[in-house]
N, C-alpha and C. Protein backbone atom coordinates (compact mmCIF):
# COMPACT_ATOMS: atom_id res chain seq x y z
N MET A 1 34.43 -48.52 97.85
CA MET A 1 34.33 -49.69 98.96
C MET A 1 35.62 -50.42 98.96
N ARG A 2 35.87 -50.92 100.01
CA ARG A 2 37.56 -51.29 100.01
C ARG A 2 37.11 -52.55 100.57
N ILE A 3 37.55 -54.09 99.74
CA ILE A 3 36.97 -55.05 100.23
C ILE A 3 38.13 -55.56 100.44
N LEU A 4 38.31 -56.71 101.70
CA LEU A 4 39.12 -57.86 101.96
C LEU A 4 38.79 -59.19 101.47
N GLY A 5 39.69 -59.85 100.41
CA GLY A 5 38.98 -61.32 100.26
C GLY A 5 40.39 -61.83 101.17
N ILE A 6 39.60 -63.62 101.14
CA ILE A 6 40.34 -64.22 102.12
C ILE A 6 39.92 -65.52 101.40
N ASP A 7 41.24 -66.20 101.23
CA ASP A 7 40.99 -67.68 101.13
C ASP A 7 41.81 -68.36 102.48
N PRO A 8 40.51 -68.81 103.01
CA PRO A 8 41.21 -69.12 104.39
C PRO A 8 42.25 -70.59 104.13
N GLY A 9 43.13 -70.29 105.37
CA GLY A 9 43.93 -71.73 105.63
C GLY A 9 44.52 -71.95 106.82
N SER A 10 44.62 -73.09 107.38
CA SER A 10 45.47 -72.93 108.82
C SER A 10 46.76 -72.90 108.79
N ARG A 11 47.13 -73.13 107.59
CA ARG A 11 49.01 -72.98 107.49
C ARG A 11 49.22 -71.38 106.16
N LEU A 12 48.48 -71.56 105.59
CA LEU A 12 48.38 -70.51 104.49
C LEU A 12 47.35 -69.86 104.06
N LEU A 13 47.07 -68.60 104.27
CA LEU A 13 45.87 -68.09 104.41
C LEU A 13 46.16 -66.70 103.28
N GLY A 14 45.39 -66.77 102.55
CA GLY A 14 45.89 -66.00 101.28
C GLY A 14 44.77 -64.94 101.63
N TYR A 15 45.26 -63.24 101.40
CA TYR A 15 44.35 -62.40 101.07
C TYR A 15 44.73 -61.42 100.27
N ALA A 16 43.78 -60.50 100.15
CA ALA A 16 43.56 -59.52 99.06
C ALA A 16 42.46 -58.35 99.26
N VAL A 17 43.61 -57.16 98.87
CA VAL A 17 42.35 -55.96 99.03
C VAL A 17 42.41 -55.21 97.72
N VAL A 18 41.06 -54.95 97.38
CA VAL A 18 40.53 -54.14 96.25
C VAL A 18 39.50 -53.39 96.53
N ASP A 19 39.90 -52.01 96.12
CA ASP A 19 39.10 -50.68 95.97
C ASP A 19 37.81 -51.09 94.87
N ALA A 20 36.36 -51.53 95.26
CA ALA A 20 35.64 -51.19 94.03
C ALA A 20 35.01 -49.54 93.91
N THR A 21 35.16 -48.89 92.98
CA THR A 21 34.50 -47.63 92.75
C THR A 21 33.52 -47.86 91.60
N ALA A 22 32.96 -46.50 91.31
CA ALA A 22 32.12 -46.72 90.00
C ALA A 22 33.13 -46.66 89.02
N ALA A 23 34.24 -46.15 89.05
CA ALA A 23 34.97 -46.39 87.46
C ALA A 23 35.67 -48.13 87.69
N GLY A 24 35.63 -48.66 88.36
CA GLY A 24 36.06 -50.31 88.26
C GLY A 24 36.78 -50.46 89.30
N LEU A 25 37.83 -51.85 89.48
CA LEU A 25 38.11 -52.29 90.54
C LEU A 25 39.65 -51.81 90.50
N ARG A 26 40.04 -51.73 91.89
CA ARG A 26 41.60 -50.77 91.69
C ARG A 26 42.51 -51.95 92.76
N TYR A 27 43.45 -52.42 92.40
CA TYR A 27 44.17 -53.43 93.27
C TYR A 27 44.92 -52.37 94.16
N VAL A 28 44.98 -53.05 95.44
CA VAL A 28 45.61 -52.39 96.74
C VAL A 28 47.11 -53.21 97.07
N GLU A 29 46.58 -54.62 97.18
CA GLU A 29 47.65 -55.26 97.94
C GLU A 29 46.72 -56.35 97.96
N CYS A 30 48.20 -57.87 98.10
CA CYS A 30 47.29 -59.06 98.32
C CYS A 30 48.88 -59.53 98.73
N GLY A 31 48.46 -60.97 99.70
CA GLY A 31 50.13 -61.90 100.05
C GLY A 31 49.16 -62.80 100.49
N VAL A 32 50.25 -63.62 101.50
CA VAL A 32 50.02 -65.16 101.86
C VAL A 32 50.69 -64.87 103.44
N LEU A 33 49.31 -64.96 104.12
CA LEU A 33 49.66 -65.34 105.43
C LEU A 33 50.45 -66.91 106.07
N GLU A 34 51.77 -66.96 106.41
CA GLU A 34 52.22 -68.14 106.54
C GLU A 34 52.44 -68.54 108.17
N ALA A 35 52.11 -69.71 108.10
CA ALA A 35 52.13 -70.26 109.54
C ALA A 35 53.45 -71.09 109.75
N ARG A 36 53.98 -71.29 110.47
CA ARG A 36 55.20 -72.04 110.90
C ARG A 36 54.31 -74.00 110.30
N ARG A 37 55.18 -74.57 109.74
CA ARG A 37 54.54 -75.71 109.39
C ARG A 37 54.24 -77.07 110.79
N THR A 38 55.41 -76.41 111.23
CA THR A 38 55.47 -77.72 112.60
C THR A 38 54.96 -77.44 113.76
N ALA A 39 54.51 -75.94 113.87
CA ALA A 39 53.59 -75.62 115.03
C ALA A 39 52.40 -76.55 115.25
N PRO A 40 51.55 -76.17 116.56
CA PRO A 40 50.75 -77.15 116.78
C PRO A 40 49.38 -76.16 116.55
N ILE A 41 47.93 -76.63 116.09
CA ILE A 41 47.62 -75.63 115.28
C ILE A 41 46.93 -74.67 116.27
N GLU A 42 46.98 -74.52 117.53
CA GLU A 42 46.39 -73.70 118.03
C GLU A 42 47.53 -72.34 117.95
N ARG A 43 48.47 -72.82 117.98
CA ARG A 43 50.00 -71.59 117.51
C ARG A 43 49.89 -71.08 116.18
N ARG A 44 49.60 -71.92 115.26
CA ARG A 44 49.21 -71.73 113.55
C ARG A 44 47.89 -70.66 113.72
N LEU A 45 46.91 -70.99 114.29
CA LEU A 45 45.92 -69.79 114.10
C LEU A 45 45.83 -68.60 115.00
N ALA A 46 47.05 -68.83 116.19
CA ALA A 46 47.18 -67.48 116.56
C ALA A 46 48.07 -66.90 115.79
N GLU A 47 49.01 -67.05 115.17
CA GLU A 47 49.82 -67.02 113.75
C GLU A 47 49.25 -65.62 112.86
N ILE A 48 48.29 -66.71 112.34
CA ILE A 48 47.27 -66.37 111.31
C ILE A 48 46.19 -64.90 111.59
N ALA A 49 45.48 -65.18 112.84
CA ALA A 49 44.73 -64.42 113.45
C ALA A 49 45.60 -63.04 113.69
N ALA A 50 46.92 -62.83 114.24
CA ALA A 50 47.85 -61.66 114.22
C ALA A 50 48.01 -61.09 113.15
N GLY A 51 48.60 -62.01 111.93
CA GLY A 51 48.42 -61.27 110.32
C GLY A 51 47.34 -60.79 109.71
N LEU A 52 46.23 -61.21 110.06
CA LEU A 52 44.93 -60.53 109.53
C LEU A 52 44.89 -59.50 110.30
N GLU A 53 45.00 -59.40 111.80
CA GLU A 53 44.61 -58.28 112.49
C GLU A 53 45.71 -56.93 111.80
N GLU A 54 46.66 -57.49 111.35
CA GLU A 54 47.78 -56.57 111.18
C GLU A 54 47.08 -55.69 109.37
N VAL A 55 46.76 -56.69 109.13
CA VAL A 55 46.53 -56.54 107.30
C VAL A 55 45.07 -55.50 107.69
N VAL A 56 43.95 -55.93 108.42
CA VAL A 56 42.88 -55.03 108.54
C VAL A 56 43.23 -53.60 109.19
N GLY A 57 44.24 -53.53 110.09
CA GLY A 57 44.39 -52.23 110.93
C GLY A 57 45.25 -51.37 109.82
N GLU A 58 46.43 -51.89 109.02
CA GLU A 58 46.68 -51.10 108.24
C GLU A 58 45.93 -50.60 106.58
N LEU A 59 44.99 -51.48 106.42
CA LEU A 59 44.80 -51.32 104.99
C LEU A 59 43.14 -50.90 104.78
N HIS A 60 42.28 -51.22 106.45
CA HIS A 60 41.08 -50.95 106.61
C HIS A 60 39.79 -50.97 105.79
N PRO A 61 39.70 -52.19 105.86
CA PRO A 61 38.55 -52.41 104.27
C PRO A 61 37.25 -52.61 105.26
N GLU A 62 36.35 -52.19 104.31
CA GLU A 62 35.30 -52.15 104.89
C GLU A 62 34.23 -53.08 104.36
N GLN A 63 34.26 -53.78 103.82
CA GLN A 63 33.63 -55.32 103.87
C GLN A 63 34.73 -56.59 103.82
N ALA A 64 34.31 -57.75 103.80
CA ALA A 64 35.14 -58.86 103.91
C ALA A 64 34.73 -59.97 102.81
N ALA A 65 35.25 -60.74 102.33
CA ALA A 65 34.55 -61.70 101.54
C ALA A 65 35.78 -62.93 101.66
N VAL A 66 35.11 -64.04 102.15
CA VAL A 66 35.65 -65.16 102.39
C VAL A 66 35.26 -66.42 101.44
N GLU A 67 36.10 -67.67 101.34
CA GLU A 67 35.52 -68.59 100.74
C GLU A 67 35.09 -69.54 101.54
N GLU A 68 34.36 -69.99 101.16
CA GLU A 68 33.42 -70.80 101.95
C GLU A 68 34.27 -72.43 102.25
N VAL A 69 34.44 -73.28 103.59
CA VAL A 69 35.03 -74.20 103.02
C VAL A 69 33.83 -75.39 102.49
N PHE A 70 34.83 -75.72 101.38
CA PHE A 70 33.90 -76.94 100.61
C PHE A 70 34.16 -78.25 101.53
N SER A 71 33.27 -79.25 101.20
CA SER A 71 33.11 -80.35 101.84
C SER A 71 34.57 -81.29 100.98
N ALA A 72 35.72 -81.51 102.15
CA ALA A 72 36.62 -82.02 101.52
C ALA A 72 36.52 -83.68 101.74
N VAL A 73 37.41 -84.81 101.44
CA VAL A 73 37.18 -85.88 101.38
C VAL A 73 37.74 -86.16 102.81
N ASN A 74 38.86 -85.44 102.92
CA ASN A 74 39.68 -85.52 104.17
C ASN A 74 38.71 -84.61 105.64
N VAL A 75 38.26 -85.33 106.71
CA VAL A 75 37.50 -84.72 107.46
C VAL A 75 38.73 -83.89 108.07
N ARG A 76 39.71 -83.83 108.40
CA ARG A 76 40.68 -83.49 109.07
C ARG A 76 41.35 -82.23 108.50
N ALA A 77 41.26 -82.28 107.42
CA ALA A 77 41.37 -81.39 106.33
C ALA A 77 40.04 -79.96 106.59
N ALA A 78 39.02 -80.49 106.52
CA ALA A 78 37.97 -79.84 106.81
C ALA A 78 37.71 -79.30 107.49
N LEU A 79 37.90 -79.95 108.62
CA LEU A 79 38.07 -78.85 110.14
C LEU A 79 39.24 -78.33 110.51
N ALA A 80 40.28 -78.32 110.08
CA ALA A 80 41.54 -77.38 110.02
C ALA A 80 40.98 -75.99 109.41
N LEU A 81 40.12 -76.52 107.95
CA LEU A 81 39.81 -74.90 107.06
C LEU A 81 38.77 -74.48 107.66
N GLY A 82 38.01 -74.93 108.54
CA GLY A 82 36.45 -74.66 109.42
C GLY A 82 37.29 -73.81 110.26
N GLN A 83 37.94 -74.06 111.21
CA GLN A 83 38.99 -73.55 112.33
C GLN A 83 39.33 -72.10 111.73
N ALA A 84 40.19 -72.06 110.65
CA ALA A 84 41.07 -70.92 109.75
C ALA A 84 39.95 -69.93 109.53
N ARG A 85 38.93 -70.76 109.08
CA ARG A 85 37.62 -69.46 108.58
C ARG A 85 37.14 -68.78 109.85
N GLY A 86 36.81 -69.82 110.94
CA GLY A 86 35.99 -68.93 112.66
C GLY A 86 37.08 -67.74 113.15
N VAL A 87 38.75 -68.24 112.72
CA VAL A 87 39.72 -66.97 112.98
C VAL A 87 39.34 -66.04 112.01
N VAL A 88 39.17 -66.21 110.72
CA VAL A 88 38.82 -64.79 109.92
C VAL A 88 37.55 -63.97 110.40
N LEU A 89 36.48 -65.03 110.50
CA LEU A 89 35.03 -64.11 111.30
C LEU A 89 35.37 -63.61 112.49
N ALA A 90 36.35 -64.13 113.52
CA ALA A 90 36.38 -63.24 114.75
C ALA A 90 37.42 -61.89 114.58
N VAL A 91 38.55 -62.27 113.85
CA VAL A 91 39.12 -61.04 113.43
C VAL A 91 38.15 -59.82 112.91
N CYS A 92 37.53 -60.18 111.67
CA CYS A 92 36.68 -59.62 110.87
C CYS A 92 35.51 -58.75 112.05
N GLY A 93 35.12 -59.18 112.94
CA GLY A 93 33.92 -58.83 113.88
C GLY A 93 34.46 -58.18 114.96
N ARG A 94 35.93 -58.32 115.12
CA ARG A 94 36.25 -57.28 115.81
C ARG A 94 36.64 -56.10 115.47
N ALA A 95 36.71 -55.85 114.15
CA ALA A 95 37.15 -54.83 113.40
C ALA A 95 35.67 -54.31 112.96
N GLY A 96 34.48 -55.13 113.30
CA GLY A 96 33.32 -54.35 112.77
C GLY A 96 33.36 -54.65 111.37
N ILE A 97 33.62 -55.36 110.73
CA ILE A 97 33.45 -55.72 109.58
C ILE A 97 32.74 -56.70 109.05
N SER A 98 31.53 -56.51 108.14
CA SER A 98 30.88 -57.40 107.81
C SER A 98 31.42 -58.56 106.55
N VAL A 99 31.02 -59.79 107.04
CA VAL A 99 31.78 -60.80 106.11
C VAL A 99 30.40 -61.18 105.32
N SER A 100 31.16 -61.77 103.86
CA SER A 100 30.34 -62.46 102.97
C SER A 100 30.90 -63.87 102.67
N GLY A 101 30.17 -65.11 102.51
CA GLY A 101 30.79 -66.33 102.10
C GLY A 101 30.40 -66.71 100.64
N TYR A 102 31.43 -67.17 100.13
CA TYR A 102 31.32 -67.42 98.74
C TYR A 102 31.70 -68.87 98.10
N SER A 103 30.97 -69.85 97.93
CA SER A 103 31.38 -71.07 97.56
C SER A 103 32.74 -70.63 95.99
N PRO A 104 33.40 -71.92 96.19
CA PRO A 104 34.74 -71.82 94.87
C PRO A 104 33.70 -71.66 93.92
N ALA A 105 32.64 -72.43 93.72
CA ALA A 105 31.91 -72.58 92.03
C ALA A 105 31.56 -71.02 92.13
N VAL A 106 30.90 -70.31 92.73
CA VAL A 106 30.42 -68.81 92.77
C VAL A 106 31.29 -67.98 92.47
N VAL A 107 32.73 -68.14 92.90
CA VAL A 107 33.90 -67.23 92.99
C VAL A 107 34.17 -67.27 91.40
N LYS A 108 34.58 -69.05 91.13
CA LYS A 108 34.83 -68.96 90.19
C LYS A 108 34.10 -68.59 88.87
N GLN A 109 32.66 -68.71 88.77
CA GLN A 109 31.58 -68.18 87.70
C GLN A 109 31.85 -66.47 87.65
N ALA A 110 31.78 -65.72 88.71
CA ALA A 110 32.01 -64.46 88.88
C ALA A 110 33.03 -64.23 88.08
N VAL A 111 34.06 -64.65 88.34
CA VAL A 111 35.59 -64.13 87.89
C VAL A 111 35.85 -64.54 86.03
N THR A 112 35.58 -65.94 85.75
CA THR A 112 35.75 -66.11 84.80
C THR A 112 34.39 -66.80 83.63
N GLY A 113 33.38 -66.92 84.28
CA GLY A 113 31.95 -67.11 83.70
C GLY A 113 31.62 -68.61 83.48
N ARG A 114 32.74 -69.59 84.24
CA ARG A 114 32.51 -71.00 84.21
C ARG A 114 32.69 -71.15 85.45
N GLY A 115 31.66 -72.16 86.69
CA GLY A 115 31.84 -72.31 87.66
C GLY A 115 32.62 -73.54 87.99
N ARG A 116 33.50 -74.24 87.09
CA ARG A 116 34.64 -75.28 87.28
C ARG A 116 36.16 -75.11 86.58
N ALA A 117 35.76 -73.64 86.55
CA ALA A 117 37.07 -73.18 85.90
C ALA A 117 38.68 -73.56 86.88
N PRO A 118 39.07 -74.12 85.91
CA PRO A 118 40.59 -74.20 86.87
C PRO A 118 41.68 -73.33 87.31
N LYS A 119 42.09 -73.61 88.78
CA LYS A 119 42.83 -72.43 89.18
C LYS A 119 43.75 -71.40 88.44
N PRO A 120 44.33 -72.31 87.74
CA PRO A 120 45.18 -70.90 86.28
C PRO A 120 44.23 -70.24 85.91
N GLN A 121 43.20 -70.79 85.65
CA GLN A 121 42.60 -69.73 84.41
C GLN A 121 41.93 -68.37 85.31
N VAL A 122 41.22 -68.75 86.76
CA VAL A 122 40.78 -67.91 87.51
C VAL A 122 42.41 -66.77 87.64
N ALA A 123 43.28 -67.28 88.00
CA ALA A 123 44.76 -66.66 88.16
C ALA A 123 44.69 -65.61 87.04
N HIS A 124 44.83 -66.45 86.19
CA HIS A 124 44.89 -65.83 84.81
C HIS A 124 44.23 -64.54 84.67
N MET A 125 42.85 -64.73 85.04
CA MET A 125 41.41 -63.43 84.91
C MET A 125 41.75 -62.31 85.98
N VAL A 126 42.33 -62.92 87.20
CA VAL A 126 42.33 -61.83 88.19
C VAL A 126 43.52 -61.02 87.64
N GLN A 127 44.43 -61.54 86.95
CA GLN A 127 45.71 -60.55 86.46
C GLN A 127 45.28 -59.45 85.45
N VAL A 128 44.23 -60.07 84.49
CA VAL A 128 43.96 -59.39 83.43
C VAL A 128 42.83 -58.59 83.94
N LEU A 129 41.99 -58.61 85.02
CA LEU A 129 41.16 -57.83 85.58
C LEU A 129 41.51 -56.88 86.32
N LEU A 130 42.34 -56.82 86.84
CA LEU A 130 43.00 -55.70 87.94
C LEU A 130 44.48 -55.46 87.44
N GLY A 131 44.60 -55.61 86.05
CA GLY A 131 45.94 -55.23 85.10
C GLY A 131 47.19 -55.65 86.21
N LEU A 132 47.65 -56.35 86.63
CA LEU A 132 48.74 -56.71 87.33
C LEU A 132 49.82 -57.31 86.46
N ARG A 133 50.66 -56.81 86.60
CA ARG A 133 52.52 -57.25 85.66
C ARG A 133 52.27 -59.15 85.61
N ARG A 134 52.10 -59.34 86.72
CA ARG A 134 52.46 -60.86 86.63
C ARG A 134 50.98 -61.40 88.08
N GLU A 135 51.32 -62.98 87.65
CA GLU A 135 49.99 -63.62 88.27
C GLU A 135 50.65 -63.53 89.72
N PRO A 136 49.91 -63.62 90.76
CA PRO A 136 50.08 -63.68 92.05
C PRO A 136 50.06 -64.76 92.44
N ARG A 137 51.26 -65.44 93.46
CA ARG A 137 50.98 -66.33 94.10
C ARG A 137 49.74 -67.02 94.40
N ALA A 138 49.28 -68.70 94.42
CA ALA A 138 47.99 -69.29 93.80
C ALA A 138 46.93 -68.92 95.16
N ASP A 139 47.28 -68.68 96.41
CA ASP A 139 47.00 -68.44 97.89
C ASP A 139 46.19 -66.82 97.56
N ALA A 140 46.82 -66.11 97.34
CA ALA A 140 46.53 -64.49 97.08
C ALA A 140 45.94 -64.70 95.77
N ALA A 141 45.87 -65.52 94.87
CA ALA A 141 45.22 -65.27 93.48
C ALA A 141 43.42 -65.52 93.80
N ASP A 142 43.67 -66.78 94.77
CA ASP A 142 42.45 -67.10 95.22
C ASP A 142 41.53 -66.44 95.92
N ALA A 143 42.27 -65.35 96.81
CA ALA A 143 41.91 -64.19 97.76
C ALA A 143 41.27 -62.94 96.87
N LEU A 144 42.47 -63.24 95.71
CA LEU A 144 42.00 -61.85 95.02
C LEU A 144 40.74 -62.20 93.94
N ALA A 145 40.49 -63.02 93.66
CA ALA A 145 39.48 -64.19 93.13
C ALA A 145 38.09 -63.41 94.12
N VAL A 146 38.05 -64.18 95.29
CA VAL A 146 37.18 -63.78 96.40
C VAL A 146 36.63 -62.40 96.03
N ALA A 147 37.68 -61.48 96.14
CA ALA A 147 37.42 -59.86 96.17
C ALA A 147 36.32 -59.30 95.08
N VAL A 148 37.34 -60.26 93.71
CA VAL A 148 36.68 -59.50 92.81
C VAL A 148 35.44 -60.13 92.61
N ALA A 149 34.80 -61.18 93.13
CA ALA A 149 33.62 -61.71 93.02
C ALA A 149 32.58 -61.35 93.83
N HIS A 150 32.71 -60.99 95.01
CA HIS A 150 32.26 -59.99 95.74
C HIS A 150 32.30 -58.42 95.26
N ALA A 151 32.68 -57.98 94.91
CA ALA A 151 32.71 -56.59 94.12
C ALA A 151 31.57 -56.86 92.92
N HIS A 152 31.67 -58.04 92.61
CA HIS A 152 30.78 -57.95 91.11
C HIS A 152 29.42 -58.23 92.07
N LEU A 153 29.26 -59.23 92.69
CA LEU A 153 27.57 -59.73 93.24
C LEU A 153 27.52 -58.90 94.18
N TYR A 154 27.98 -58.02 95.08
CA TYR A 154 27.38 -57.17 95.69
C TYR A 154 27.13 -55.58 94.79
N LYS A 155 27.59 -55.16 94.06
CA LYS A 155 27.07 -54.40 92.90
C LYS A 155 25.70 -55.16 92.57
N ASP A 156 25.37 -56.36 91.93
CA ASP A 156 24.27 -56.83 91.68
C ASP A 156 22.99 -57.15 92.50
N ILE A 157 23.63 -57.50 94.04
CA ILE A 157 22.55 -57.71 95.08
C ILE A 157 22.11 -55.83 95.10
N ARG A 158 22.84 -55.26 95.16
CA ARG A 158 22.10 -53.53 95.40
C ARG A 158 21.50 -53.18 94.48
N ARG A 159 22.00 -53.28 93.18
CA ARG A 159 20.95 -52.80 91.95
C ARG A 159 19.79 -53.58 92.18
N HIS A 160 19.93 -54.64 92.72
CA HIS A 160 18.24 -55.28 93.12
C HIS A 160 17.35 -55.28 94.10
N ALA A 161 18.26 -54.55 95.12
CA ALA A 161 17.54 -54.23 96.22
C ALA A 161 16.39 -53.34 95.75
């Protein structure tokens, strides 16, 4: 099963693709889609959507996992994250890809064993679990963590179904 992991953002969106097989997880690709900082929100979201459509078209994921928007202190930031998540849902919906959402704590628990693990520990565990030579950029590492978490949790869900 090919999984697209996404760390949504209205300016930086991390994405990652892994293959989950009976033999384990295999890294395919990860990166960060960047929208121009000075662009209005509608242009940034359009740039993110176009980039994500390209990733989906090239890598053909079967499922997607996205980090849920957490309760932020800054309402404007939370709204922008919600809008970016909406773009992700629309792009995946157009491609016929089902999307599962996970809270940051669930992702951290699945990857490190601790729901309050710091970001550097999550990035290091992703590097180790996928056999990467170096830690990926922060947003891409978060997306990889979401994909890894989905692979583990989806397997557990299917086992108990």
